[in-house]
């Protein structure tokens, strides 16, 4: 909890959302494994206090979102909705996830 509170969150809410989503997806035994970017460890160093924050392009943000959705789908064994589905892991409605999957051009694994 302290690491989360002390981290600078240069990507603000979206970055926090991705960190928490990844922790939920990769958690085992009911314990969240929070993995902060490398700069989190040096958050109080002079280099980390850079006046030039990292700015991601829309393409980079979409790639991160697509990768996160793919990770959730993998963790849910391809299941999009329902209990233990990717939508539940990501904390979004299944219709929202379906829309994002379509918009990002993510191919769902075929069953059969």
PDB file of N, CA and C in Angstrom:
ATOM      1  N   UNK A   1       0.833  -1.184   0.000  1.00  0.00           N
ATOM      2  CA  UNK A   1       0.000   0.000   0.000  1.00  0.00           C
ATOM      3  C   UNK A   1       0.882   1.254   0.000  1.00  0.00           C
ATOM      4  N   UNK A   2       1.965   1.212   0.770  1.00  0.00           N
ATOM      5  CA  UNK A   2       2.859   2.374   0.822  1.00  0.00           C
ATOM      6  C   UNK A   2       3.471   2.668  -0.543  1.00  0.00           C
ATOM      7  N   UNK A   3       3.886   1.608  -1.252  1.00  0.00           N
ATOM      8  CA  UNK A   3       4.479   1.808  -2.576  1.00  0.00           C
ATOM      9  C   UNK A   3       3.482   2.480  -3.519  1.00  0.00           C
ATOM     10  N   UNK A   4       2.214   2.071  -3.432  1.00  0.00           N
ATOM     11  CA  UNK A   4       1.193   2.681  -4.289  1.00  0.00           C
ATOM     12  C   UNK A   4       1.000   4.151  -3.943  1.00  0.00           C
ATOM     13  N   UNK A   5       1.014   4.461  -2.673  1.00  0.00           N
ATOM     14  CA  UNK A   5       0.804   5.835  -2.236  1.00  0.00           C
ATOM     15  C   UNK A   5       2.004   6.724  -2.546  1.00  0.00           C
ATOM     16  N   UNK A   6       3.203   6.156  -2.491  1.00  0.00           N
ATOM     17  CA  UNK A   6       4.405   6.959  -2.701  1.00  0.00           C
ATOM     18  C   UNK A   6       4.765   7.133  -4.173  1.00  0.00           C
ATOM     19  N   UNK A   7       4.200   6.280  -5.037  1.00  0.00           N
ATOM     20  CA  UNK A   7       4.530   6.361  -6.451  1.00  0.00           C
ATOM     21  C   UNK A   7       3.985   7.659  -7.040  1.00  0.00           C
ATOM     22  N   UNK A   8       4.727   8.248  -7.965  1.00  0.00           N
ATOM     23  CA  UNK A   8       4.394   9.559  -8.528  1.00  0.00           C
ATOM     24  C   UNK A   8       3.215   9.529  -9.500  1.00  0.00           C
ATOM     25  N   UNK A   9       2.878   8.412 -10.096  1.00  0.00           N
ATOM     26  CA  UNK A   9       1.791   8.227 -11.054  1.00  0.00           C
ATOM     27  C   UNK A   9       1.839   9.236 -12.198  1.00  0.00           C
ATOM     28  N   UNK A  10       2.924   9.198 -12.987  1.00  0.00           N
ATOM     29  CA  UNK A  10       3.010  10.137 -14.112  1.00  0.00           C
ATOM     30  C   UNK A  10       1.930   9.917 -15.158  1.00  0.00           C
ATOM     31  N   UNK A  11       1.391   8.705 -15.241  1.00  0.00           N
ATOM     32  CA  UNK A  11       0.317   8.434 -16.196  1.00  0.00           C
ATOM     33  C   UNK A  11      -1.052   8.591 -15.570  1.00  0.00           C
ATOM     34  N   UNK A  12      -1.112   9.104 -14.367  1.00  0.00           N
ATOM     35  CA  UNK A  12      -2.297   9.330 -13.550  1.00  0.00           C
ATOM     36  C   UNK A  12      -3.251   8.145 -13.495  1.00  0.00           C
ATOM     37  N   UNK A  13      -4.537   8.379 -13.623  1.00  0.00           N
ATOM     38  CA  UNK A  13      -5.546   7.348 -13.387  1.00  0.00           C
ATOM     39  C   UNK A  13      -5.416   6.166 -14.344  1.00  0.00           C
ATOM     40  N   UNK A  14      -5.110   6.423 -15.596  1.00  0.00           N
ATOM     41  CA  UNK A  14      -4.990   5.334 -16.570  1.00  0.00           C
ATOM     42  C   UNK A  14      -3.849   4.398 -16.168  1.00  0.00           C
ATOM     43  N   UNK A  15      -2.728   4.962 -15.742  1.00  0.00           N
ATOM     44  CA  UNK A  15      -1.600   4.127 -15.324  1.00  0.00           C
ATOM     45  C   UNK A  15      -1.967   3.312 -14.086  1.00  0.00           C
ATOM     46  N   UNK A  16      -2.620   3.943 -13.138  1.00  0.00           N
ATOM     47  CA  UNK A  16      -3.064   3.227 -11.931  1.00  0.00           C
ATOM     48  C   UNK A  16      -4.003   2.090 -12.323  1.00  0.00           C
ATOM     49  N   UNK A  17      -4.931   2.353 -13.226  1.00  0.00           N
ATOM     50  CA  UNK A  17      -5.870   1.328 -13.677  1.00  0.00           C
ATOM     51  C   UNK A  17      -5.125   0.138 -14.270  1.00  0.00           C
ATOM     52  N   UNK A  18      -4.127   0.392 -15.112  1.00  0.00           N
ATOM     53  CA  UNK A  18      -3.381  -0.696 -15.735  1.00  0.00           C
ATOM     54  C   UNK A  18      -2.592  -1.502 -14.702  1.00  0.00           C
ATOM     55  N   UNK A  19      -2.002  -0.817 -13.725  1.00  0.00           N
ATOM     56  CA  UNK A  19      -1.246  -1.516 -12.683  1.00  0.00           C
ATOM     57  C   UNK A  19      -2.168  -2.421 -11.872  1.00  0.00           C
ATOM     58  N   UNK A  20      -3.335  -1.914 -11.505  1.00  0.00           N
ATOM     59  CA  UNK A  20      -4.279  -2.706 -10.714  1.00  0.00           C
ATOM     60  C   UNK A  20      -4.841  -3.864 -11.550  1.00  0.00           C
ATOM     61  N   UNK A  21      -5.200  -3.593 -12.812  1.00  0.00           N
ATOM     62  CA  UNK A  21      -5.707  -4.662 -13.676  1.00  0.00           C
ATOM     63  C   UNK A  21      -4.678  -5.777 -13.820  1.00  0.00           C
ATOM     64  N   UNK A  22      -3.424  -5.405 -14.066  1.00  0.00           N
ATOM     65  CA  UNK A  22      -2.376  -6.405 -14.226  1.00  0.00           C
ATOM     66  C   UNK A  22      -2.192  -7.194 -12.927  1.00  0.00           C
ATOM     67  N   UNK A  23      -2.278  -6.508 -11.776  1.00  0.00           N
ATOM     68  CA  UNK A  23      -2.135  -7.184 -10.487  1.00  0.00           C
ATOM     69  C   UNK A  23      -3.252  -8.200 -10.277  1.00  0.00           C
ATOM     70  N   UNK A  24      -4.469  -7.835 -10.668  1.00  0.00           N
ATOM     71  CA  UNK A  24      -5.601  -8.752 -10.525  1.00  0.00           C
ATOM     72  C   UNK A  24      -5.420  -9.961 -11.433  1.00  0.00           C
ATOM     73  N   UNK A  25      -4.988  -9.704 -12.667  1.00  0.00           N
ATOM     74  CA  UNK A  25      -4.819 -10.786 -13.632  1.00  0.00           C
ATOM     75  C   UNK A  25      -3.727 -11.756 -13.197  1.00  0.00           C
ATOM     76  N   UNK A  26      -2.648 -11.230 -12.656  1.00  0.00           N
ATOM     77  CA  UNK A  26      -1.503 -12.081 -12.309  1.00  0.00           C
ATOM     78  C   UNK A  26      -1.514 -12.552 -10.861  1.00  0.00           C
ATOM     79  N   UNK A  27      -2.531 -12.200 -10.102  1.00  0.00           N
ATOM     80  CA  UNK A  27      -2.556 -12.568  -8.684  1.00  0.00           C
ATOM     81  C   UNK A  27      -2.756 -14.065  -8.513  1.00  0.00           C
ATOM     82  N   UNK A  28      -2.165 -14.564  -7.452  1.00  0.00           N
ATOM     83  CA  UNK A  28      -2.346 -15.964  -7.087  1.00  0.00           C
ATOM     84  C   UNK A  28      -2.563 -16.039  -5.588  1.00  0.00           C
ATOM     85  N   UNK A  29      -3.387 -16.953  -5.175  1.00  0.00           N
ATOM     86  CA  UNK A  29      -3.616 -17.150  -3.751  1.00  0.00           C
ATOM     87  C   UNK A  29      -4.282 -15.981  -3.062  1.00  0.00           C
ATOM     88  N   UNK A  30      -5.038 -15.170  -3.796  1.00  0.00           N
ATOM     89  CA  UNK A  30      -5.763 -14.064  -3.189  1.00  0.00           C
ATOM     90  C   UNK A  30      -4.895 -12.869  -2.827  1.00  0.00           C
ATOM     91  N   UNK A  31      -3.635 -12.880  -3.230  1.00  0.00           N
ATOM     92  CA  UNK A  31      -2.732 -11.775  -2.907  1.00  0.00           C
ATOM     93  C   UNK A  31      -2.329 -11.058  -4.198  1.00  0.00           C
ATOM     94  N   UNK A  32      -2.512  -9.726  -4.218  1.00  0.00           N
ATOM     95  CA  UNK A  32      -2.168  -8.952  -5.404  1.00  0.00           C
ATOM     96  C   UNK A  32      -0.662  -8.764  -5.497  1.00  0.00           C
ATOM     97  N   UNK A  33      -0.139  -8.946  -6.700  1.00  0.00           N
ATOM     98  CA  UNK A  33       1.273  -8.733  -6.959  1.00  0.00           C
ATOM     99  C   UNK A  33       1.397  -7.416  -7.718  1.00  0.00           C
ATOM    100  N   UNK A  34       1.702  -6.336  -7.004  1.00  0.00           N
ATOM    101  CA  UNK A  34       1.777  -5.009  -7.610  1.00  0.00           C
ATOM    102  C   UNK A  34       3.167  -4.811  -8.202  1.00  0.00           C
ATOM    103  N   UNK A  35       3.209  -4.606  -9.525  1.00  0.00           N
ATOM    104  CA  UNK A  35       4.473  -4.357 -10.200  1.00  0.00           C
ATOM    105  C   UNK A  35       4.438  -2.939 -10.748  1.00  0.00           C
ATOM    106  N   UNK A  36       5.208  -2.059 -10.123  1.00  0.00           N
ATOM    107  CA  UNK A  36       5.285  -0.674 -10.575  1.00  0.00           C
ATOM    108  C   UNK A  36       6.444  -0.537 -11.550  1.00  0.00           C
ATOM    109  N   UNK A  37       6.345   0.403 -12.475  1.00  0.00           N
ATOM    110  CA  UNK A  37       7.457   0.634 -13.403  1.00  0.00           C
ATOM    111  C   UNK A  37       8.746   0.939 -12.655  1.00  0.00           C
ATOM    112  N   UNK A  38       9.883   0.731 -13.309  1.00  0.00           N
ATOM    113  CA  UNK A  38      11.196   0.890 -12.680  1.00  0.00           C
ATOM    114  C   UNK A  38      11.360   2.240 -12.006  1.00  0.00           C
ATOM    115  N   UNK A  39      10.814   3.292 -12.571  1.00  0.00           N
ATOM    116  CA  UNK A  39      10.993   4.611 -11.982  1.00  0.00           C
ATOM    117  C   UNK A  39      10.330   4.730 -10.608  1.00  0.00           C
ATOM    118  N   UNK A  40       9.418   3.820 -10.296  1.00  0.00           N
ATOM    119  CA  UNK A  40       8.755   3.866  -8.995  1.00  0.00           C
ATOM    120  C   UNK A  40       9.760   3.685  -7.871  1.00  0.00           C
ATOM    121  N   UNK A  41      10.780   2.847  -8.113  1.00  0.00           N
ATOM    122  CA  UNK A  41      11.784   2.608  -7.090  1.00  0.00           C
ATOM    123  C   UNK A  41      12.650   3.833  -6.867  1.00  0.00           C
ATOM    124  N   UNK A  42      12.756   4.674  -7.901  1.00  0.00           N
ATOM    125  CA  UNK A  42      13.590   5.864  -7.799  1.00  0.00           C
ATOM    126  C   UNK A  42      12.744   7.130  -7.788  1.00  0.00           C
ATOM    127  N   UNK A  43      11.536   7.033  -7.299  1.00  0.00           N
ATOM    128  CA  UNK A  43      10.592   8.150  -7.360  1.00  0.00           C
ATOM    129  C   UNK A  43      11.096   9.398  -6.661  1.00  0.00           C
ATOM    130  N   UNK A  44      11.963   9.235  -5.689  1.00  0.00           N
ATOM    131  CA  UNK A  44      12.439  10.395  -4.946  1.00  0.00           C
ATOM    132  C   UNK A  44      13.831  10.827  -5.389  1.00  0.00           C
ATOM    133  N   UNK A  45      14.362  10.239  -6.455  1.00  0.00           N
ATOM    134  CA  UNK A  45      15.671  10.640  -6.951  1.00  0.00           C
ATOM    135  C   UNK A  45      15.514  11.869  -7.835  1.00  0.00           C
ATOM    136  N   UNK A  46      16.580  12.656  -7.996  1.00  0.00           N
ATOM    137  CA  UNK A  46      16.490  13.864  -8.831  1.00  0.00           C
ATOM    138  C   UNK A  46      16.092  13.567 -10.274  1.00  0.00           C
ATOM    139  N   UNK A  47      16.545  12.416 -10.820  1.00  0.00           N
ATOM    140  CA  UNK A  47      16.207  12.097 -12.197  1.00  0.00           C
ATOM    141  C   UNK A  47      14.704  11.863 -12.358  1.00  0.00           C
ATOM    142  N   UNK A  48      14.071  11.283 -11.339  1.00  0.00           N
ATOM    143  CA  UNK A  48      12.650  10.966 -11.433  1.00  0.00           C
ATOM    144  C   UNK A  48      11.785  12.223 -11.386  1.00  0.00           C
ATOM    145  N   UNK A  49      12.305  13.293 -10.855  1.00  0.00           N
ATOM    146  CA  UNK A  49      11.556  14.539 -10.735  1.00  0.00           C
ATOM    147  C   UNK A  49      11.701  15.366 -12.008  1.00  0.00           C
ATOM    148  N   UNK A  50      11.783  14.717 -13.142  1.00  0.00           N
ATOM    149  CA  UNK A  50      11.961  15.376 -14.424  1.00  0.00           C
ATOM    150  C   UNK A  50      10.786  16.291 -14.741  1.00  0.00           C
ATOM    151  N   UNK A  51      11.066  17.501 -15.242  1.00  0.00           N
ATOM    152  CA  UNK A  51       9.976  18.409 -15.597  1.00  0.00           C
ATOM    153  C   UNK A  51       9.283  17.990 -16.895  1.00  0.00           C
ATOM    154  N   UNK A  52       9.837  17.001 -17.607  1.00  0.00           N
ATOM    155  CA  UNK A  52       9.260  16.537 -18.860  1.00  0.00           C
ATOM    156  C   UNK A  52       8.611  15.169 -18.660  1.00  0.00           C
ATOM    157  N   UNK A  53       7.307  15.134 -18.379  1.00  0.00           N
ATOM    158  CA  UNK A  53       6.650  13.836 -18.176  1.00  0.00           C
ATOM    159  C   UNK A  53       6.621  13.041 -19.483  1.00  0.00           C
ATOM    160  N   UNK A  54       6.536  11.732 -19.346  1.00  0.00           N
ATOM    161  CA  UNK A  54       6.440  10.866 -20.514  1.00  0.00           C
ATOM    162  C   UNK A  54       5.054  11.031 -21.113  1.00  0.00           C
ATOM    163  N   UNK A  55       5.015  11.289 -22.400  1.00  0.00           N
ATOM    164  CA  UNK A  55       3.745  11.444 -23.105  1.00  0.00           C
ATOM    165  C   UNK A  55       3.641  10.315 -24.114  1.00  0.00           C
ATOM    166  N   UNK A  56       2.553   9.568 -24.032  1.00  0.00           N
ATOM    167  CA  UNK A  56       2.320   8.467 -24.954  1.00  0.00           C
ATOM    168  C   UNK A  56       1.405   8.907 -26.080  1.00  0.00           C
ATOM    169  N   UNK A  57       1.657   8.377 -27.254  1.00  0.00           N
ATOM    170  CA  UNK A  57       0.774   8.668 -28.383  1.00  0.00           C
ATOM    171  C   UNK A  57      -0.499   7.842 -28.232  1.00  0.00           C
ATOM    172  N   UNK A  58      -1.502   8.188 -28.994  1.00  0.00           N
ATOM    173  CA  UNK A  58      -2.751   7.436 -28.977  1.00  0.00           C
ATOM    174  C   UNK A  58      -2.498   5.991 -29.395  1.00  0.00           C
ATOM    175  N   UNK A  59      -1.616   5.800 -30.360  1.00  0.00           N
ATOM    176  CA  UNK A  59      -1.274   4.447 -30.822  1.00  0.00           C
ATOM    177  C   UNK A  59      -0.637   3.641 -29.692  1.00  0.00           C
ATOM    178  N   UNK A  60       0.260   4.256 -28.936  1.00  0.00           N
ATOM    179  CA  UNK A  60       0.903   3.560 -27.815  1.00  0.00           C
ATOM    180  C   UNK A  60      -0.112   3.198 -26.737  1.00  0.00           C
ATOM    181  N   UNK A  61      -1.021   4.103 -26.444  1.00  0.00           N
ATOM    182  CA  UNK A  61      -2.049   3.840 -25.428  1.00  0.00           C
ATOM    183  C   UNK A  61      -2.956   2.704 -25.894  1.00  0.00           C
ATOM    184  N   UNK A  62      -3.340   2.719 -27.156  1.00  0.00           N
ATOM    185  CA  UNK A  62      -4.184   1.639 -27.696  1.00  0.00           C
ATOM    186  C   UNK A  62      -3.459   0.295 -27.642  1.00  0.00           C
ATOM    187  N   UNK A  63      -2.143   0.306 -27.882  1.00  0.00           N
ATOM    188  CA  UNK A  63      -1.367  -0.929 -27.823  1.00  0.00           C
ATOM    189  C   UNK A  63      -1.328  -1.475 -26.397  1.00  0.00           C
ATOM    190  N   UNK A  64      -1.156  -0.588 -25.420  1.00  0.00           N
ATOM    191  CA  UNK A  64      -1.157  -0.995 -24.014  1.00  0.00           C
ATOM    192  C   UNK A  64      -2.515  -1.578 -23.648  1.00  0.00           C
ATOM    193  N   UNK A  65      -3.577  -0.896 -24.072  1.00  0.00           N
ATOM    194  CA  UNK A  65      -4.929  -1.386 -23.781  1.00  0.00           C
ATOM    195  C   UNK A  65      -5.168  -2.749 -24.438  1.00  0.00           C
ATOM    196  N   UNK A  66      -4.760  -2.889 -25.694  1.00  0.00           N
ATOM    197  CA  UNK A  66      -4.945  -4.155 -26.403  1.00  0.00           C
ATOM    198  C   UNK A  66      -4.159  -5.275 -25.722  1.00  0.00           C
ATOM    199  N   UNK A  67      -2.922  -4.992 -25.323  1.00  0.00           N
ATOM    200  CA  UNK A  67      -2.099  -5.994 -24.630  1.00  0.00           C
ATOM    201  C   UNK A  67      -2.743  -6.408 -23.315  1.00  0.00           C
ATOM    202  N   UNK A  68      -3.313  -5.434 -22.619  1.00  0.00           N
ATOM    203  CA  UNK A  68      -3.953  -5.721 -21.338  1.00  0.00           C
ATOM    204  C   UNK A  68      -5.202  -6.579 -21.538  1.00  0.00           C
ATOM    205  N   UNK A  69      -5.967  -6.289 -22.571  1.00  0.00           N
ATOM    206  CA  UNK A  69      -7.158  -7.087 -22.867  1.00  0.00           C
ATOM    207  C   UNK A  69      -6.753  -8.503 -23.259  1.00  0.00           C
ATOM    208  N   UNK A  70      -5.714  -8.625 -24.078  1.00  0.00           N
ATOM    209  CA  UNK A  70      -5.231  -9.968 -24.454  1.00  0.00           C
ATOM    210  C   UNK A  70      -4.792 -10.752 -23.216  1.00  0.00           C
ATOM    211  N   UNK A  71      -4.117 -10.080 -22.278  1.00  0.00           N
ATOM    212  CA  UNK A  71      -3.679 -10.741 -21.043  1.00  0.00           C
ATOM    213  C   UNK A  71      -4.886 -11.208 -20.233  1.00  0.00           C
ATOM    214  N   UNK A  72      -5.918 -10.376 -20.180  1.00  0.00           N
ATOM    215  CA  UNK A  72      -7.130 -10.749 -19.441  1.00  0.00           C
ATOM    216  C   UNK A  72      -7.822 -11.926 -20.121  1.00  0.00           C
ATOM    217  N   UNK A  73      -7.894 -11.902 -21.443  1.00  0.00           N
ATOM    218  CA  UNK A  73      -8.514 -13.007 -22.176  1.00  0.00           C
ATOM    219  C   UNK A  73      -7.733 -14.306 -21.952  1.00  0.00           C
ATOM    220  N   UNK A  74      -6.426 -14.203 -21.942  1.00  0.00           N
ATOM    221  CA  UNK A  74      -5.599 -15.391 -21.695  1.00  0.00           C
ATOM    222  C   UNK A  74      -5.843 -15.925 -20.289  1.00  0.00           C
ATOM    223  N   UNK A  75      -5.869 -15.019 -19.306  1.00  0.00           N
ATOM    224  CA  UNK A  75      -6.101 -15.419 -17.915  1.00  0.00           C
ATOM    225  C   UNK A  75      -7.482 -16.038 -17.745  1.00  0.00           C
ATOM    226  N   UNK A  76      -8.440 -15.602 -18.580  1.00  0.00           N
ATOM    227  CA  UNK A  76      -9.817 -16.114 -18.505  1.00  0.00           C
ATOM    228  C   UNK A  76     -10.051 -17.251 -19.496  1.00  0.00           C
ATOM    229  N   UNK A  77      -8.973 -17.785 -20.056  1.00  0.00           N
ATOM    230  CA  UNK A  77      -9.069 -18.882 -21.032  1.00  0.00           C
ATOM    231  C   UNK A  77      -9.999 -18.541 -22.199  1.00  0.00           C
ATOM    232  N   UNK A  78      -9.936 -17.296 -22.664  1.00  0.00           N
ATOM    233  CA  UNK A  78     -10.722 -16.865 -23.812  1.00  0.00           C
ATOM    234  C   UNK A  78     -12.148 -16.453 -23.502  1.00  0.00           C
ATOM    235  N   UNK A  79     -12.548 -16.593 -22.255  1.00  0.00           N
ATOM    236  CA  UNK A  79     -13.920 -16.266 -21.854  1.00  0.00           C
ATOM    237  C   UNK A  79     -14.045 -14.746 -21.684  1.00  0.00           C
ATOM    238  N   UNK A  80     -15.001 -14.134 -22.378  1.00  0.00           N
ATOM    239  CA  UNK A  80     -15.172 -12.682 -22.321  1.00  0.00           C
ATOM    240  C   UNK A  80     -16.051 -12.263 -21.148  1.00  0.00           C
ATOM    241  N   UNK A  81     -17.206 -12.910 -20.990  1.00  0.00           N
ATOM    242  CA  UNK A  81     -18.170 -12.475 -19.974  1.00  0.00           C
ATOM    243  C   UNK A  81     -18.429 -13.567 -18.948  1.00  0.00           C
ATOM    244  N   UNK A  82     -19.220 -13.214 -17.950  1.00  0.00           N
ATOM    245  CA  UNK A  82     -19.587 -14.170 -16.909  1.00  0.00           C
ATOM    246  C   UNK A  82     -18.550 -14.252 -15.809  1.00  0.00           C
ATOM    247  N   UNK A  83     -18.809 -15.134 -14.842  1.00  0.00           N
ATOM    248  CA  UNK A  83     -17.870 -15.290 -13.725  1.00  0.00           C
ATOM    249  C   UNK A  83     -16.487 -15.701 -14.227  1.00  0.00           C
ATOM    250  N   UNK A  84     -15.474 -15.029 -13.722  1.00  0.00           N
ATOM    251  CA  UNK A  84     -14.081 -15.278 -14.098  1.00  0.00           C
ATOM    252  C   UNK A  84     -13.775 -14.994 -15.560  1.00  0.00           C
ATOM    253  N   UNK A  85     -14.644 -14.237 -16.211  1.00  0.00           N
ATOM    254  CA  UNK A  85     -14.398 -13.826 -17.589  1.00  0.00           C
ATOM    255  C   UNK A  85     -13.471 -12.620 -17.623  1.00  0.00           C
ATOM    256  N   UNK A  86     -12.965 -12.308 -18.798  1.00  0.00           N
ATOM    257  CA  UNK A  86     -12.040 -11.185 -18.954  1.00  0.00           C
ATOM    258  C   UNK A  86     -12.669  -9.864 -18.520  1.00  0.00           C
ATOM    259  N   UNK A  87     -13.945  -9.675 -18.821  1.00  0.00           N
ATOM    260  CA  UNK A  87     -14.611  -8.429 -18.428  1.00  0.00           C
ATOM    261  C   UNK A  87     -14.593  -8.263 -16.905  1.00  0.00           C
ATOM    262  N   UNK A  88     -14.860  -9.350 -16.200  1.00  0.00           N
ATOM    263  CA  UNK A  88     -14.844  -9.286 -14.735  1.00  0.00           C
ATOM    264  C   UNK A  88     -13.428  -8.984 -14.238  1.00  0.00           C
ATOM    265  N   UNK A  89     -12.428  -9.628 -14.823  1.00  0.00           N
ATOM    266  CA  UNK A  89     -11.043  -9.373 -14.425  1.00  0.00           C
ATOM    267  C   UNK A  89     -10.643  -7.920 -14.629  1.00  0.00           C
ATOM    268  N   UNK A  90     -11.159  -7.339 -15.714  1.00  0.00           N
ATOM    269  CA  UNK A  90     -10.819  -5.951 -16.025  1.00  0.00           C
ATOM    270  C   UNK A  90     -11.708  -4.938 -15.312  1.00  0.00           C
ATOM    271  N   UNK A  91     -12.784  -5.412 -14.702  1.00  0.00           N
ATOM    272  CA  UNK A  91     -13.686  -4.520 -13.987  1.00  0.00           C
ATOM    273  C   UNK A  91     -14.550  -3.678 -14.904  1.00  0.00           C
ATOM    274  N   UNK A  92     -14.905  -4.242 -16.076  1.00  0.00           N
ATOM    275  CA  UNK A  92     -15.780  -3.532 -17.014  1.00  0.00           C
ATOM    276  C   UNK A  92     -16.947  -4.432 -17.386  1.00  0.00           C
ATOM    277  N   UNK A  93     -17.999  -3.827 -17.941  1.00  0.00           N
ATOM    278  CA  UNK A  93     -19.138  -4.610 -18.415  1.00  0.00           C
ATOM    279  C   UNK A  93     -18.701  -5.408 -19.638  1.00  0.00           C
ATOM    280  N   UNK A  94     -19.305  -6.560 -19.821  1.00  0.00           N
ATOM    281  CA  UNK A  94     -18.936  -7.406 -20.964  1.00  0.00           C
ATOM    282  C   UNK A  94     -19.227  -6.705 -22.290  1.00  0.00           C
ATOM    283  N   UNK A  95     -20.281  -5.885 -22.331  1.00  0.00           N
ATOM    284  CA  UNK A  95     -20.585  -5.152 -23.563  1.00  0.00           C
ATOM    285  C   UNK A  95     -19.496  -4.116 -23.859  1.00  0.00           C
ATOM    286  N   UNK A  96     -18.973  -3.495 -22.813  1.00  0.00           N
ATOM    287  CA  UNK A  96     -17.887  -2.524 -22.971  1.00  0.00           C
ATOM    288  C   UNK A  96     -16.643  -3.230 -23.493  1.00  0.00           C
ATOM    289  N   UNK A  97     -16.327  -4.376 -22.903  1.00  0.00           N
ATOM    290  CA  UNK A  97     -15.156  -5.127 -23.345  1.00  0.00           C
ATOM    291  C   UNK A  97     -15.332  -5.588 -24.785  1.00  0.00           C
ATOM    292  N   UNK A  98     -16.519  -6.072 -25.134  1.00  0.00           N
ATOM    293  CA  UNK A  98     -16.775  -6.511 -26.508  1.00  0.00           C
ATOM    294  C   UNK A  98     -16.562  -5.356 -27.487  1.00  0.00           C
ATOM    295  N   UNK A  99     -17.001  -4.167 -27.119  1.00  0.00           N
ATOM    296  CA  UNK A  99     -16.812  -2.988 -27.974  1.00  0.00           C
ATOM    297  C   UNK A  99     -15.332  -2.653 -28.126  1.00  0.00           C
ATOM    298  N   UNK A 100     -14.580  -2.743 -27.037  1.00  0.00           N
ATOM    299  CA  UNK A 100     -13.149  -2.451 -27.092  1.00  0.00           C
ATOM    300  C   UNK A 100     -12.408  -3.500 -27.926  1.00  0.00           C
ATOM    301  N   UNK A 101     -12.799  -4.762 -27.777  1.00  0.00           N
ATOM    302  CA  UNK A 101     -12.185  -5.841 -28.559  1.00  0.00           C
ATOM    303  C   UNK A 101     -12.382  -5.574 -30.043  1.00  0.00           C
ATOM    304  N   UNK A 102     -13.600  -5.196 -30.404  1.00  0.00           N
ATOM    305  CA  UNK A 102     -13.908  -4.917 -31.810  1.00  0.00           C
ATOM    306  C   UNK A 102     -13.143  -3.685 -32.293  1.00  0.00           C
ATOM    307  N   UNK A 103     -13.156  -2.615 -31.499  1.00  0.00           N
ATOM    308  CA  UNK A 103     -12.498  -1.366 -31.892  1.00  0.00           C
ATOM    309  C   UNK A 103     -10.988  -1.534 -32.045  1.00  0.00           C
ATOM    310  N   UNK A 104     -10.402  -2.392 -31.212  1.00  0.00           N
ATOM    311  CA  UNK A 104      -8.957  -2.598 -31.260  1.00  0.00           C
ATOM    312  C   UNK A 104      -8.556  -3.715 -32.209  1.00  0.00           C
ATOM    313  N   UNK A 105      -9.544  -4.370 -32.811  1.00  0.00           N
ATOM    314  CA  UNK A 105      -9.251  -5.426 -33.780  1.00  0.00           C
ATOM    315  C   UNK A 105      -8.616  -6.664 -33.177  1.00  0.00           C
ATOM    316  N   UNK A 106      -9.006  -6.982 -31.945  1.00  0.00           N
ATOM    317  CA  UNK A 106      -8.452  -8.147 -31.270  1.00  0.00           C
ATOM    318  C   UNK A 106      -9.214  -9.387 -31.719  1.00  0.00           C
ATOM    319  N   UNK A 107      -8.479 -10.403 -32.134  1.00  0.00           N
ATOM    320  CA  UNK A 107      -9.099 -11.666 -32.549  1.00  0.00           C
ATOM    321  C   UNK A 107      -9.276 -12.558 -31.337  1.00  0.00           C
ATOM    322  N   UNK A 108     -10.495 -13.033 -31.169  1.00  0.00           N
ATOM    323  CA  UNK A 108     -10.767 -13.955 -30.073  1.00  0.00           C
ATOM    324  C   UNK A 108     -10.371 -15.367 -30.492  1.00  0.00           C
ATOM    325  N   UNK A 109      -9.852 -16.156 -29.544  1.00  0.00           N
ATOM    326  CA  UNK A 109      -9.485 -17.529 -29.893  1.00  0.00           C
ATOM    327  C   UNK A 109     -10.727 -18.306 -30.284  1.00  0.00           C
ATOM    328  N   UNK A 110     -10.599 -19.138 -31.315  1.00  0.00           N
ATOM    329  CA  UNK A 110     -11.745 -19.952 -31.743  1.00  0.00           C
ATOM    330  C   UNK A 110     -11.803 -21.222 -30.922  1.00  0.00           C
ATOM    331  N   UNK A 111     -13.005 -21.621 -30.587  1.00  0.00           N
ATOM    332  CA  UNK A 111     -13.222 -22.834 -29.810  1.00  0.00           C
ATOM    333  C   UNK A 111     -13.867 -23.869 -30.711  1.00  0.00           C
ATOM    334  N   UNK A 112     -13.189 -24.978 -30.917  1.00  0.00           N
ATOM    335  CA  UNK A 112     -13.830 -25.989 -31.718  1.00  0.00           C
ATOM    336  C   UNK A 112     -12.848 -26.652 -32.530  1.00  0.00           C
TER     337      UNK A 112
END
